[in-house]
Every structure is written in structure tokens, then in C-alpha cells.
């Protein structure tokens, strides 16, 4: 239940809302919001599955008649197997195409080519573009990961990649990893250490000044 605090100031209104959303509700929200935001993809996905399922059950229901038709038409027996697999091919191909359609819709709604500005303060890390800004507080960073091309920090199901090319050199990259890893909670460090400790153990360096 949301707890609302409202304060009237000079005829205007300032409001502070404090609330909690259970995890189960977030899961349901992800599904329902996804269906609304990408309704065409969601509808077409079910149509593809329905079409493939119909083809499969039809081929099984009319199996004998289909076998007679294949034999009379002079097709090889392998044609029967090909027809049996056709519904699954239709479903797979359809879902792949719809996945591409959804990615196209996502890219058309947001400019992914904007320059990301990463900064650090006492509260946490800030990832900002001209359109949006995310603030990951230190306690909110749930894990650090290493990718082949950069460092990843996550908060729940949000993942932020800091590419190696963003750093001036290897020393600056190592300083960033040390600084962020040192600020993580005990739980976050415990699930990050198998990815981060090998990097930190590659070389021993004095703790540098703040990178930012």
C-alpha cells in the first residue's frame, strides 16, 4: 500500500510517495507491460504458434490420407518426415523473425548511439546520456562481472557495461575495478569475487587516486 505525503506550498503541491512493490508483482508487470508495449509482436507470436500447432495436428489427423497422397504423387518417403517437421520449422522461423521485429521496434523508440557519461560520487555510479540518467547507489550494486570487452556492474536485472576502450589505460581500468569492488556490500563481493579476483590478482599495484 502506497504511503503518500503531500505538502501544500504557495498554492502548489509537492508530493513524496513511498511504496513497495512485491517481486511477484514486478514479474507480472514485466509480462503485462511487455504485451502492451509490443502488442503486435505478442499477437503475431501467438498466431505463429497457433499456425504451427494447427499444421502439426492436421498432419497427424490426416496422416493416412497424407501418406496415400505422397505415394500417389511419387514423392520419396523422406517427404513424409519433412512434412512432419514443417510445423516446427514454421514456429522457429516465425519466432526468430518476430524477435528481430521486436529489436527493430526497441531501436526505433530509443537512440542507442548517444554518448554515455559515467561519473562517481559518494552515493554511487551515474550513467547519463542527454535523454536519461541512472544512478546506481553503492548498496544497490548487486554484482560485478567481467566481459571480454569490458566491466559490467549490475543492479538486479539491470546490467551496465563499461567498455575497456572507455579507460585511458589498463591502470585506470584496474583502478576503477578496485574502487567499485571495494565499495560493494559483503554479499555483492561474495558473488563477484570469482570474476573480479582473478583480474586483481594479475598484478599488485598501490591503490591509485580516485579515477574520476
N, C-alpha and C. Protein backbone atom coordinates (compact mmCIF):
# COMPACT_ATOMS: atom_id res chain seq x y z
N UNK A 1 0.84 -1.18 0.00
CA UNK A 1 0.00 0.00 0.00
C UNK A 1 0.88 1.24 0.00
N UNK A 2 0.65 2.15 -0.92
CA UNK A 2 1.46 3.35 -1.01
C UNK A 2 1.16 4.28 0.14
N UNK A 3 2.21 4.90 0.69
CA UNK A 3 2.07 5.89 1.72
C UNK A 3 2.38 7.24 1.11
N UNK A 4 1.45 8.16 1.12
CA UNK A 4 1.60 9.42 0.43
C UNK A 4 1.73 10.56 1.43
N UNK A 5 2.73 11.38 1.17
CA UNK A 5 2.90 12.58 1.96
C UNK A 5 2.76 13.76 1.01
N UNK A 6 1.81 14.65 1.30
CA UNK A 6 1.54 15.79 0.42
C UNK A 6 1.67 17.07 1.23
N UNK A 7 2.40 18.05 0.68
CA UNK A 7 2.59 19.32 1.37
C UNK A 7 2.22 20.45 0.41
N UNK A 8 1.31 21.31 0.82
CA UNK A 8 0.90 22.44 0.02
C UNK A 8 1.86 23.59 0.24
N UNK A 9 2.38 24.16 -0.86
CA UNK A 9 3.31 25.27 -0.76
C UNK A 9 2.91 26.35 -1.75
N UNK A 10 2.50 27.48 -1.21
CA UNK A 10 2.18 28.62 -2.06
C UNK A 10 1.21 28.32 -3.17
N UNK A 11 0.18 27.59 -2.86
CA UNK A 11 -0.82 27.26 -3.86
C UNK A 11 -0.44 26.09 -4.74
N UNK A 12 0.83 25.66 -4.69
CA UNK A 12 1.25 24.50 -5.47
C UNK A 12 1.23 23.26 -4.59
N UNK A 13 1.69 22.17 -5.12
CA UNK A 13 1.68 20.93 -4.36
C UNK A 13 2.99 20.18 -4.59
N UNK A 14 3.59 19.78 -3.51
CA UNK A 14 4.74 18.91 -3.56
C UNK A 14 4.35 17.59 -2.93
N UNK A 15 4.70 16.51 -3.55
CA UNK A 15 4.28 15.20 -3.05
C UNK A 15 5.48 14.27 -2.95
N UNK A 16 5.51 13.50 -1.92
CA UNK A 16 6.52 12.45 -1.75
C UNK A 16 5.79 11.13 -1.56
N UNK A 17 6.07 10.21 -2.43
CA UNK A 17 5.43 8.90 -2.35
C UNK A 17 6.46 7.86 -1.90
N UNK A 18 6.08 7.06 -0.96
CA UNK A 18 6.90 5.95 -0.52
C UNK A 18 6.09 4.67 -0.66
N UNK A 19 6.65 3.71 -1.33
CA UNK A 19 5.86 2.50 -1.58
C UNK A 19 6.79 1.31 -1.81
N UNK A 20 6.19 0.13 -1.78
CA UNK A 20 6.89 -1.12 -2.05
C UNK A 20 6.11 -1.91 -3.08
N UNK A 21 6.82 -2.55 -3.98
CA UNK A 21 6.19 -3.40 -4.99
C UNK A 21 6.77 -4.80 -4.83
N UNK A 22 5.96 -5.79 -4.47
CA UNK A 22 6.46 -7.17 -4.29
C UNK A 22 7.08 -7.71 -5.58
N UNK A 23 8.01 -8.63 -5.42
CA UNK A 23 8.71 -9.21 -6.57
C UNK A 23 7.73 -9.88 -7.53
N UNK A 24 6.75 -10.61 -7.00
CA UNK A 24 5.77 -11.28 -7.86
C UNK A 24 5.03 -10.27 -8.73
N UNK A 25 4.75 -9.09 -8.17
CA UNK A 25 4.05 -8.07 -8.94
C UNK A 25 4.94 -7.52 -10.05
N UNK A 26 6.24 -7.40 -9.78
CA UNK A 26 7.17 -6.93 -10.80
C UNK A 26 7.25 -7.92 -11.95
N UNK A 27 7.23 -9.22 -11.62
CA UNK A 27 7.27 -10.24 -12.66
C UNK A 27 6.04 -10.12 -13.56
N UNK A 28 4.86 -9.99 -12.92
CA UNK A 28 3.63 -9.85 -13.69
C UNK A 28 3.63 -8.55 -14.49
N UNK A 29 4.20 -7.48 -13.90
CA UNK A 29 4.26 -6.20 -14.60
C UNK A 29 5.12 -6.32 -15.85
N UNK A 30 6.25 -7.05 -15.73
CA UNK A 30 7.12 -7.22 -16.88
C UNK A 30 6.39 -7.88 -18.04
N UNK A 31 5.58 -8.88 -17.71
CA UNK A 31 4.84 -9.57 -18.77
C UNK A 31 3.73 -8.70 -19.34
N UNK A 32 2.94 -8.08 -18.47
CA UNK A 32 1.79 -7.30 -18.94
C UNK A 32 2.25 -6.04 -19.69
N UNK A 33 3.30 -5.38 -19.17
CA UNK A 33 3.80 -4.18 -19.85
C UNK A 33 4.42 -4.54 -21.19
N UNK A 34 5.11 -5.68 -21.23
CA UNK A 34 5.70 -6.12 -22.49
C UNK A 34 4.64 -6.40 -23.54
N UNK A 35 3.53 -7.00 -23.13
CA UNK A 35 2.45 -7.27 -24.08
C UNK A 35 1.85 -5.98 -24.62
N UNK A 36 1.76 -4.96 -23.76
CA UNK A 36 1.17 -3.69 -24.20
C UNK A 36 2.14 -2.89 -25.05
N UNK A 37 3.42 -2.88 -24.64
CA UNK A 37 4.40 -2.08 -25.37
C UNK A 37 4.70 -2.66 -26.74
N UNK A 38 4.68 -3.99 -26.85
CA UNK A 38 4.98 -4.66 -28.12
C UNK A 38 3.83 -5.59 -28.49
N UNK A 39 2.65 -5.01 -28.56
CA UNK A 39 1.43 -5.80 -28.77
C UNK A 39 1.46 -6.55 -30.10
N UNK A 40 1.97 -5.89 -31.15
CA UNK A 40 1.97 -6.55 -32.46
C UNK A 40 2.84 -7.80 -32.43
N UNK A 41 4.00 -7.73 -31.76
CA UNK A 41 4.88 -8.89 -31.65
C UNK A 41 4.21 -9.99 -30.84
N UNK A 42 3.55 -9.60 -29.75
CA UNK A 42 2.89 -10.58 -28.88
C UNK A 42 1.77 -11.31 -29.64
N UNK A 43 0.95 -10.55 -30.38
CA UNK A 43 -0.16 -11.15 -31.13
C UNK A 43 0.37 -12.06 -32.23
N UNK A 44 1.37 -11.58 -32.97
CA UNK A 44 1.93 -12.38 -34.05
C UNK A 44 2.60 -13.65 -33.53
N UNK A 45 3.20 -13.57 -32.34
CA UNK A 45 3.83 -14.76 -31.76
C UNK A 45 2.81 -15.85 -31.53
N UNK A 46 1.66 -15.49 -30.98
CA UNK A 46 0.61 -16.48 -30.75
C UNK A 46 0.05 -17.00 -32.07
N UNK A 47 -0.03 -16.14 -33.08
CA UNK A 47 -0.52 -16.59 -34.38
C UNK A 47 0.45 -17.60 -35.00
N UNK A 48 1.75 -17.35 -34.85
CA UNK A 48 2.74 -18.28 -35.37
C UNK A 48 2.63 -19.63 -34.67
N UNK A 49 2.52 -19.59 -33.33
CA UNK A 49 2.39 -20.84 -32.57
C UNK A 49 1.11 -21.56 -32.95
N UNK A 50 0.01 -20.81 -33.11
CA UNK A 50 -1.27 -21.42 -33.48
C UNK A 50 -1.19 -22.04 -34.87
N UNK A 51 -0.55 -21.34 -35.80
CA UNK A 51 -0.44 -21.87 -37.17
C UNK A 51 0.40 -23.14 -37.18
N UNK A 52 1.53 -23.12 -36.48
CA UNK A 52 2.38 -24.30 -36.43
C UNK A 52 1.69 -25.48 -35.77
N UNK A 53 0.97 -25.21 -34.67
CA UNK A 53 0.26 -26.27 -33.97
C UNK A 53 -0.84 -26.86 -34.84
N UNK A 54 -1.53 -25.99 -35.57
CA UNK A 54 -2.59 -26.46 -36.47
C UNK A 54 -2.02 -27.36 -37.56
N UNK A 55 -0.89 -26.95 -38.11
CA UNK A 55 -0.24 -27.76 -39.14
C UNK A 55 0.16 -29.13 -38.59
N UNK A 56 0.68 -29.13 -37.35
CA UNK A 56 1.12 -30.38 -36.76
C UNK A 56 -0.05 -31.33 -36.53
N UNK A 57 -1.10 -30.83 -35.89
CA UNK A 57 -2.25 -31.71 -35.60
C UNK A 57 -2.97 -32.14 -36.88
N UNK A 58 -2.99 -31.27 -37.88
CA UNK A 58 -3.62 -31.63 -39.15
C UNK A 58 -2.84 -32.75 -39.83
N UNK A 59 -1.49 -32.63 -39.78
CA UNK A 59 -0.67 -33.66 -40.42
C UNK A 59 -0.81 -35.01 -39.71
N UNK A 60 -1.04 -34.97 -38.39
CA UNK A 60 -1.21 -36.21 -37.64
C UNK A 60 -2.62 -36.78 -37.85
N UNK A 61 -3.62 -35.89 -37.88
CA UNK A 61 -5.01 -36.34 -38.01
C UNK A 61 -5.25 -36.94 -39.40
N UNK A 62 -4.63 -36.32 -40.41
CA UNK A 62 -4.81 -36.81 -41.78
C UNK A 62 -3.57 -37.59 -42.24
N UNK A 63 -2.95 -38.26 -41.29
CA UNK A 63 -1.70 -38.96 -41.58
C UNK A 63 -1.86 -39.99 -42.70
N UNK A 64 -2.90 -40.83 -42.61
CA UNK A 64 -3.09 -41.88 -43.62
C UNK A 64 -3.36 -41.28 -44.98
N UNK A 65 -4.24 -40.29 -45.03
CA UNK A 65 -4.55 -39.65 -46.31
C UNK A 65 -3.32 -38.97 -46.89
N UNK A 66 -2.51 -38.39 -46.01
CA UNK A 66 -1.30 -37.70 -46.46
C UNK A 66 -0.29 -38.71 -47.03
N UNK A 67 -0.20 -39.87 -46.37
CA UNK A 67 0.72 -40.90 -46.86
C UNK A 67 0.30 -41.40 -48.24
N UNK A 68 -1.02 -41.55 -48.43
CA UNK A 68 -1.52 -42.01 -49.74
C UNK A 68 -1.22 -40.97 -50.81
N UNK A 69 -1.41 -39.70 -50.45
CA UNK A 69 -1.17 -38.62 -51.43
C UNK A 69 0.31 -38.55 -51.80
N UNK A 70 1.19 -38.72 -50.80
CA UNK A 70 2.63 -38.67 -51.07
C UNK A 70 3.04 -39.83 -51.98
N UNK A 71 2.45 -41.01 -51.70
CA UNK A 71 2.78 -42.20 -52.52
C UNK A 71 2.27 -42.03 -53.94
N UNK A 72 1.02 -41.57 -54.09
CA UNK A 72 0.44 -41.39 -55.43
C UNK A 72 1.17 -40.31 -56.21
N UNK A 73 1.68 -39.31 -55.50
CA UNK A 73 2.38 -38.21 -56.19
C UNK A 73 3.80 -38.59 -56.57
N UNK A 74 4.25 -39.74 -56.08
CA UNK A 74 5.58 -40.21 -56.43
C UNK A 74 6.70 -39.56 -55.63
N UNK A 75 6.35 -38.92 -54.53
CA UNK A 75 7.38 -38.31 -53.69
C UNK A 75 8.10 -39.38 -52.87
N UNK A 76 9.36 -39.20 -52.56
CA UNK A 76 10.07 -40.18 -51.72
C UNK A 76 9.51 -40.19 -50.31
N UNK A 77 9.78 -41.29 -49.62
CA UNK A 77 9.29 -41.40 -48.25
C UNK A 77 9.83 -40.31 -47.33
N UNK A 78 11.00 -39.78 -47.68
CA UNK A 78 11.59 -38.71 -46.87
C UNK A 78 10.70 -37.48 -46.83
N UNK A 79 9.81 -37.36 -47.82
CA UNK A 79 8.91 -36.21 -47.84
C UNK A 79 7.97 -36.24 -46.65
N UNK A 80 7.63 -37.44 -46.18
CA UNK A 80 6.75 -37.56 -45.01
C UNK A 80 7.42 -36.97 -43.78
N UNK A 81 8.69 -37.25 -43.61
CA UNK A 81 9.43 -36.71 -42.47
C UNK A 81 9.55 -35.20 -42.57
N UNK A 82 9.77 -34.72 -43.80
CA UNK A 82 9.90 -33.27 -43.99
C UNK A 82 8.61 -32.56 -43.63
N UNK A 83 7.49 -33.15 -44.03
CA UNK A 83 6.20 -32.56 -43.71
C UNK A 83 5.94 -32.58 -42.21
N UNK A 84 6.37 -33.66 -41.54
CA UNK A 84 6.18 -33.75 -40.09
C UNK A 84 6.95 -32.67 -39.35
N UNK A 85 8.12 -32.30 -39.89
CA UNK A 85 8.94 -31.28 -39.23
C UNK A 85 8.54 -29.86 -39.64
N UNK A 86 7.73 -29.73 -40.68
CA UNK A 86 7.38 -28.41 -41.19
C UNK A 86 6.74 -27.49 -40.13
N UNK A 87 5.81 -27.96 -39.29
CA UNK A 87 5.21 -27.07 -38.28
C UNK A 87 6.26 -26.48 -37.33
N UNK A 88 7.23 -27.31 -36.93
CA UNK A 88 8.26 -26.81 -36.02
C UNK A 88 9.17 -25.80 -36.71
N UNK A 89 9.42 -26.02 -38.00
CA UNK A 89 10.22 -25.06 -38.77
C UNK A 89 9.49 -23.73 -38.87
N UNK A 90 8.18 -23.79 -39.10
CA UNK A 90 7.37 -22.57 -39.19
C UNK A 90 7.41 -21.80 -37.87
N UNK A 91 7.25 -22.51 -36.75
CA UNK A 91 7.26 -21.86 -35.45
C UNK A 91 8.63 -21.23 -35.17
N UNK A 92 9.69 -21.98 -35.40
CA UNK A 92 11.03 -21.48 -35.13
C UNK A 92 11.37 -20.27 -35.99
N UNK A 93 11.09 -20.38 -37.29
CA UNK A 93 11.38 -19.28 -38.19
C UNK A 93 10.55 -18.05 -37.84
N UNK A 94 9.28 -18.28 -37.51
CA UNK A 94 8.41 -17.16 -37.14
C UNK A 94 8.89 -16.44 -35.90
N UNK A 95 9.28 -17.20 -34.87
CA UNK A 95 9.74 -16.58 -33.63
C UNK A 95 11.05 -15.82 -33.83
N UNK A 96 11.92 -16.35 -34.69
CA UNK A 96 13.17 -15.64 -34.98
C UNK A 96 12.89 -14.31 -35.67
N UNK A 97 11.99 -14.33 -36.64
CA UNK A 97 11.64 -13.09 -37.35
C UNK A 97 10.96 -12.09 -36.41
N UNK A 98 10.12 -12.60 -35.51
CA UNK A 98 9.44 -11.71 -34.58
C UNK A 98 10.41 -11.12 -33.56
N UNK A 99 11.41 -11.90 -33.19
CA UNK A 99 12.46 -11.38 -32.30
C UNK A 99 13.18 -10.21 -32.96
N UNK A 100 13.45 -10.35 -34.24
CA UNK A 100 14.10 -9.27 -34.97
C UNK A 100 13.17 -8.06 -35.07
N UNK A 101 11.88 -8.31 -35.25
CA UNK A 101 10.91 -7.22 -35.31
C UNK A 101 10.88 -6.45 -33.99
N UNK A 102 10.89 -7.18 -32.88
CA UNK A 102 10.88 -6.53 -31.58
C UNK A 102 12.15 -5.69 -31.37
N UNK A 103 13.29 -6.23 -31.76
CA UNK A 103 14.53 -5.47 -31.63
C UNK A 103 14.47 -4.20 -32.47
N UNK A 104 13.88 -4.31 -33.66
CA UNK A 104 13.73 -3.12 -34.51
C UNK A 104 12.83 -2.09 -33.84
N UNK A 105 11.75 -2.53 -33.22
CA UNK A 105 10.87 -1.60 -32.54
C UNK A 105 11.57 -0.93 -31.36
N UNK A 106 12.36 -1.70 -30.61
CA UNK A 106 13.10 -1.12 -29.48
C UNK A 106 14.07 -0.06 -29.97
N UNK A 107 14.81 -0.36 -31.04
CA UNK A 107 15.79 0.59 -31.55
C UNK A 107 15.12 1.84 -32.11
N UNK A 108 13.91 1.70 -32.63
CA UNK A 108 13.23 2.86 -33.21
C UNK A 108 12.68 3.80 -32.14
N UNK A 109 12.57 3.32 -30.89
CA UNK A 109 12.00 4.15 -29.83
C UNK A 109 13.06 4.86 -29.00
N UNK A 110 14.28 4.37 -29.03
CA UNK A 110 15.35 4.94 -28.22
C UNK A 110 16.61 5.08 -29.05
N UNK A 111 17.34 6.19 -28.84
CA UNK A 111 18.60 6.41 -29.54
C UNK A 111 19.72 5.75 -28.75
N UNK A 112 20.21 4.61 -29.24
CA UNK A 112 21.24 3.87 -28.54
C UNK A 112 22.65 4.36 -28.90
N UNK A 113 22.74 5.37 -29.76
CA UNK A 113 24.04 5.87 -30.17
C UNK A 113 24.49 7.09 -29.37
N UNK A 114 23.70 7.47 -28.36
CA UNK A 114 24.08 8.62 -27.54
C UNK A 114 25.31 8.29 -26.70
N UNK A 115 26.15 9.28 -26.48
CA UNK A 115 27.34 9.10 -25.66
C UNK A 115 26.96 8.96 -24.19
N UNK A 116 27.50 7.94 -23.54
CA UNK A 116 27.23 7.69 -22.12
C UNK A 116 28.31 8.37 -21.29
N UNK A 117 27.89 9.13 -20.28
CA UNK A 117 28.81 9.79 -19.38
C UNK A 117 28.77 9.07 -18.03
N UNK A 118 29.87 8.49 -17.64
CA UNK A 118 29.95 7.77 -16.37
C UNK A 118 30.68 8.62 -15.35
N UNK A 119 30.07 8.79 -14.19
CA UNK A 119 30.70 9.56 -13.12
C UNK A 119 30.49 8.85 -11.80
N UNK A 120 31.24 9.24 -10.81
CA UNK A 120 31.19 8.61 -9.50
C UNK A 120 31.12 9.69 -8.44
N UNK A 121 30.30 9.47 -7.42
CA UNK A 121 30.26 10.36 -6.26
C UNK A 121 30.10 9.51 -5.02
N UNK A 122 29.84 10.14 -3.91
CA UNK A 122 29.73 9.39 -2.66
C UNK A 122 28.51 8.48 -2.63
N UNK A 123 27.52 8.75 -3.46
CA UNK A 123 26.31 7.93 -3.47
C UNK A 123 26.46 6.68 -4.31
N UNK A 124 27.19 6.79 -5.41
CA UNK A 124 27.33 5.64 -6.28
C UNK A 124 27.80 6.02 -7.66
N UNK A 125 27.42 5.21 -8.65
CA UNK A 125 27.79 5.44 -10.04
C UNK A 125 26.61 6.05 -10.78
N UNK A 126 26.92 6.97 -11.69
CA UNK A 126 25.88 7.60 -12.50
C UNK A 126 26.19 7.39 -13.98
N UNK A 127 25.21 6.81 -14.69
CA UNK A 127 25.31 6.60 -16.13
C UNK A 127 24.30 7.55 -16.78
N UNK A 128 24.79 8.50 -17.54
CA UNK A 128 23.90 9.53 -18.07
C UNK A 128 24.11 9.75 -19.56
N UNK A 129 23.03 10.02 -20.26
CA UNK A 129 23.06 10.49 -21.64
C UNK A 129 22.25 11.78 -21.68
N UNK A 130 22.08 12.34 -22.85
CA UNK A 130 21.28 13.56 -22.97
C UNK A 130 19.81 13.28 -22.70
N UNK A 131 19.40 12.00 -22.73
CA UNK A 131 17.99 11.66 -22.59
C UNK A 131 17.63 11.06 -21.24
N UNK A 132 18.57 10.35 -20.61
CA UNK A 132 18.21 9.61 -19.40
C UNK A 132 19.43 9.50 -18.51
N UNK A 133 19.18 9.28 -17.21
CA UNK A 133 20.28 9.10 -16.26
C UNK A 133 19.90 8.01 -15.26
N UNK A 134 20.82 7.12 -14.99
CA UNK A 134 20.65 6.08 -13.99
C UNK A 134 21.68 6.29 -12.89
N UNK A 135 21.22 6.20 -11.65
CA UNK A 135 22.12 6.28 -10.51
C UNK A 135 22.10 4.95 -9.77
N UNK A 136 23.25 4.28 -9.75
CA UNK A 136 23.37 3.02 -9.02
C UNK A 136 24.07 3.32 -7.70
N UNK A 137 23.33 3.32 -6.62
CA UNK A 137 23.94 3.55 -5.33
C UNK A 137 24.81 2.34 -4.97
N UNK A 138 25.82 2.61 -4.16
CA UNK A 138 26.77 1.55 -3.85
C UNK A 138 26.08 0.31 -3.29
N UNK A 139 25.14 0.51 -2.39
CA UNK A 139 24.43 -0.64 -1.82
C UNK A 139 23.51 -1.30 -2.82
N UNK A 140 23.18 -0.60 -3.89
CA UNK A 140 22.28 -1.15 -4.90
C UNK A 140 22.98 -1.96 -5.97
N UNK A 141 24.32 -1.89 -6.01
CA UNK A 141 25.05 -2.70 -6.98
C UNK A 141 25.11 -4.12 -6.47
N UNK A 142 24.50 -5.02 -7.18
CA UNK A 142 24.38 -6.40 -6.70
C UNK A 142 25.52 -7.30 -7.16
N UNK A 143 26.24 -6.90 -8.22
CA UNK A 143 27.31 -7.77 -8.70
C UNK A 143 28.18 -7.02 -9.71
N UNK A 144 29.45 -7.44 -9.77
CA UNK A 144 30.35 -7.01 -10.84
C UNK A 144 30.73 -8.24 -11.65
N UNK A 145 30.80 -8.07 -12.95
CA UNK A 145 31.16 -9.15 -13.86
C UNK A 145 32.24 -8.66 -14.82
N UNK A 146 32.91 -9.60 -15.44
CA UNK A 146 33.89 -9.26 -16.46
C UNK A 146 33.45 -9.85 -17.80
N UNK A 147 33.44 -9.02 -18.82
CA UNK A 147 33.19 -9.46 -20.19
C UNK A 147 34.49 -9.34 -20.97
N UNK A 148 34.52 -9.92 -22.16
CA UNK A 148 35.75 -9.89 -22.95
C UNK A 148 36.12 -8.48 -23.38
N UNK A 149 35.13 -7.57 -23.37
CA UNK A 149 35.40 -6.21 -23.84
C UNK A 149 35.15 -5.15 -22.79
N UNK A 150 34.95 -5.55 -21.52
CA UNK A 150 34.74 -4.52 -20.51
C UNK A 150 34.29 -5.06 -19.17
N UNK A 151 33.92 -4.12 -18.31
CA UNK A 151 33.48 -4.41 -16.95
C UNK A 151 31.97 -4.18 -16.87
N UNK A 152 31.28 -5.05 -16.15
CA UNK A 152 29.83 -4.94 -16.02
C UNK A 152 29.47 -4.77 -14.55
N UNK A 153 28.62 -3.80 -14.27
CA UNK A 153 28.03 -3.66 -12.94
C UNK A 153 26.54 -3.86 -13.09
N UNK A 154 25.94 -4.53 -12.14
CA UNK A 154 24.52 -4.83 -12.24
C UNK A 154 23.79 -4.45 -10.98
N UNK A 155 22.53 -4.17 -11.17
CA UNK A 155 21.60 -3.95 -10.06
C UNK A 155 20.36 -4.76 -10.37
N UNK A 156 20.26 -5.93 -9.73
CA UNK A 156 19.15 -6.81 -10.06
C UNK A 156 19.27 -7.28 -11.50
N UNK A 157 18.28 -6.94 -12.32
CA UNK A 157 18.26 -7.38 -13.71
C UNK A 157 18.73 -6.29 -14.66
N UNK A 158 19.31 -5.21 -14.12
CA UNK A 158 19.87 -4.14 -14.94
C UNK A 158 21.38 -4.33 -15.04
N UNK A 159 21.92 -4.32 -16.24
CA UNK A 159 23.34 -4.53 -16.45
C UNK A 159 23.92 -3.33 -17.22
N UNK A 160 25.04 -2.82 -16.71
CA UNK A 160 25.68 -1.66 -17.33
C UNK A 160 27.11 -2.05 -17.71
N UNK A 161 27.44 -1.97 -18.99
CA UNK A 161 28.76 -2.31 -19.48
C UNK A 161 29.61 -1.05 -19.59
N UNK A 162 30.79 -1.12 -19.00
CA UNK A 162 31.79 -0.06 -19.15
C UNK A 162 32.90 -0.65 -20.03
N UNK A 163 32.95 -0.32 -21.31
CA UNK A 163 33.91 -0.95 -22.21
C UNK A 163 35.35 -0.59 -21.85
N UNK A 164 36.26 -1.48 -22.15
CA UNK A 164 37.68 -1.24 -21.89
C UNK A 164 38.17 0.01 -22.60
N UNK A 165 37.58 0.32 -23.75
CA UNK A 165 38.01 1.49 -24.52
C UNK A 165 37.66 2.80 -23.83
N UNK A 166 36.81 2.74 -22.80
CA UNK A 166 36.45 3.97 -22.09
C UNK A 166 37.56 4.44 -21.16
N UNK A 167 38.48 3.56 -20.82
CA UNK A 167 39.55 3.90 -19.88
C UNK A 167 40.78 4.39 -20.63
N UNK A 168 41.52 5.28 -19.96
CA UNK A 168 42.73 5.84 -20.58
C UNK A 168 43.79 4.77 -20.80
N UNK A 169 43.89 3.83 -19.85
CA UNK A 169 44.86 2.75 -19.98
C UNK A 169 44.46 1.62 -19.03
N UNK A 170 45.29 0.58 -19.01
CA UNK A 170 44.99 -0.58 -18.17
C UNK A 170 45.01 -0.22 -16.69
N UNK A 171 45.86 0.72 -16.30
CA UNK A 171 45.92 1.13 -14.91
C UNK A 171 44.64 1.80 -14.46
N UNK A 172 44.07 2.64 -15.32
CA UNK A 172 42.81 3.31 -14.98
C UNK A 172 41.68 2.29 -14.88
N UNK A 173 41.70 1.31 -15.75
CA UNK A 173 40.68 0.25 -15.70
C UNK A 173 40.79 -0.53 -14.40
N UNK A 174 42.01 -0.88 -13.99
CA UNK A 174 42.22 -1.62 -12.76
C UNK A 174 41.80 -0.79 -11.55
N UNK A 175 42.09 0.52 -11.60
CA UNK A 175 41.71 1.40 -10.50
C UNK A 175 40.19 1.46 -10.34
N UNK A 176 39.49 1.50 -11.47
CA UNK A 176 38.03 1.51 -11.44
C UNK A 176 37.50 0.23 -10.81
N UNK A 177 38.04 -0.90 -11.22
CA UNK A 177 37.59 -2.19 -10.69
C UNK A 177 37.85 -2.26 -9.19
N UNK A 178 39.04 -1.85 -8.76
CA UNK A 178 39.38 -1.89 -7.34
C UNK A 178 38.45 -1.00 -6.53
N UNK A 179 38.21 0.21 -7.04
CA UNK A 179 37.40 1.17 -6.30
C UNK A 179 35.97 0.68 -6.13
N UNK A 180 35.35 0.25 -7.24
CA UNK A 180 33.96 -0.20 -7.17
C UNK A 180 33.84 -1.48 -6.35
N UNK A 181 34.74 -2.43 -6.58
CA UNK A 181 34.69 -3.69 -5.84
C UNK A 181 34.84 -3.45 -4.34
N UNK A 182 35.67 -2.50 -3.97
CA UNK A 182 35.88 -2.20 -2.56
C UNK A 182 34.68 -1.57 -1.89
N UNK A 183 33.77 -1.02 -2.66
CA UNK A 183 32.59 -0.36 -2.10
C UNK A 183 31.35 -1.26 -2.07
N UNK A 184 31.46 -2.44 -2.64
CA UNK A 184 30.31 -3.34 -2.68
C UNK A 184 29.98 -3.87 -1.30
N UNK A 185 28.74 -4.28 -1.14
CA UNK A 185 28.36 -4.94 0.11
C UNK A 185 29.02 -6.31 0.17
N UNK A 186 29.03 -6.88 1.36
CA UNK A 186 29.66 -8.19 1.53
C UNK A 186 29.03 -9.24 0.62
N UNK A 187 27.72 -9.19 0.50
CA UNK A 187 27.03 -10.16 -0.35
C UNK A 187 27.40 -9.97 -1.81
N UNK A 188 27.44 -8.71 -2.25
CA UNK A 188 27.78 -8.44 -3.65
C UNK A 188 29.22 -8.85 -3.95
N UNK A 189 30.13 -8.63 -3.01
CA UNK A 189 31.52 -9.04 -3.22
C UNK A 189 31.63 -10.56 -3.30
N UNK A 190 30.85 -11.26 -2.48
CA UNK A 190 30.97 -12.71 -2.45
C UNK A 190 30.55 -13.35 -3.77
N UNK A 191 29.58 -12.77 -4.45
CA UNK A 191 29.13 -13.34 -5.72
C UNK A 191 29.88 -12.74 -6.90
N UNK A 192 30.74 -11.74 -6.63
CA UNK A 192 31.51 -11.11 -7.70
C UNK A 192 32.95 -11.58 -7.71
N UNK A 193 33.42 -12.15 -6.60
CA UNK A 193 34.85 -12.42 -6.44
C UNK A 193 35.40 -13.39 -7.48
N UNK A 194 34.60 -14.35 -7.93
CA UNK A 194 35.14 -15.31 -8.89
C UNK A 194 35.42 -14.66 -10.25
N UNK A 195 34.81 -13.51 -10.50
CA UNK A 195 35.06 -12.78 -11.74
C UNK A 195 36.11 -11.69 -11.55
N UNK A 196 36.13 -11.08 -10.36
CA UNK A 196 36.97 -9.91 -10.14
C UNK A 196 38.34 -10.25 -9.57
N UNK A 197 38.39 -11.21 -8.63
CA UNK A 197 39.67 -11.52 -8.00
C UNK A 197 40.75 -11.96 -9.00
N UNK A 198 40.42 -12.77 -10.02
CA UNK A 198 41.47 -13.11 -10.99
C UNK A 198 42.08 -11.88 -11.66
N UNK A 199 41.25 -10.87 -11.88
CA UNK A 199 41.75 -9.64 -12.51
C UNK A 199 42.66 -8.89 -11.54
N UNK A 200 42.23 -8.79 -10.28
CA UNK A 200 43.02 -8.07 -9.29
C UNK A 200 44.32 -8.79 -8.96
N UNK A 201 44.31 -10.10 -9.10
CA UNK A 201 45.50 -10.88 -8.77
C UNK A 201 46.54 -10.90 -9.88
N UNK A 202 46.17 -10.36 -11.06
CA UNK A 202 47.12 -10.36 -12.17
C UNK A 202 48.34 -9.50 -11.86
N UNK A 203 48.11 -8.45 -11.12
CA UNK A 203 49.23 -7.56 -10.81
C UNK A 203 48.96 -6.88 -9.48
N UNK A 204 50.01 -6.60 -8.76
CA UNK A 204 49.88 -5.88 -7.49
C UNK A 204 50.29 -4.43 -7.74
N UNK A 205 49.35 -3.53 -7.46
CA UNK A 205 49.64 -2.11 -7.62
C UNK A 205 49.18 -1.39 -6.38
N UNK A 206 49.79 -0.28 -6.10
CA UNK A 206 49.32 0.55 -5.00
C UNK A 206 47.97 1.12 -5.38
N UNK A 207 47.12 1.30 -4.40
CA UNK A 207 45.78 1.82 -4.67
C UNK A 207 45.91 3.23 -5.20
N UNK A 208 45.49 3.47 -6.44
CA UNK A 208 45.65 4.78 -7.04
C UNK A 208 44.64 5.79 -6.50
N UNK A 209 44.88 7.01 -6.88
CA UNK A 209 43.91 8.05 -6.54
C UNK A 209 42.59 7.77 -7.25
N UNK A 210 41.55 8.45 -6.80
CA UNK A 210 40.24 8.22 -7.42
C UNK A 210 40.35 8.44 -8.92
N UNK A 211 39.76 7.53 -9.64
CA UNK A 211 39.82 7.58 -11.11
C UNK A 211 39.09 8.80 -11.65
N UNK A 212 37.97 9.12 -11.00
CA UNK A 212 37.16 10.21 -11.53
C UNK A 212 37.61 11.53 -10.94
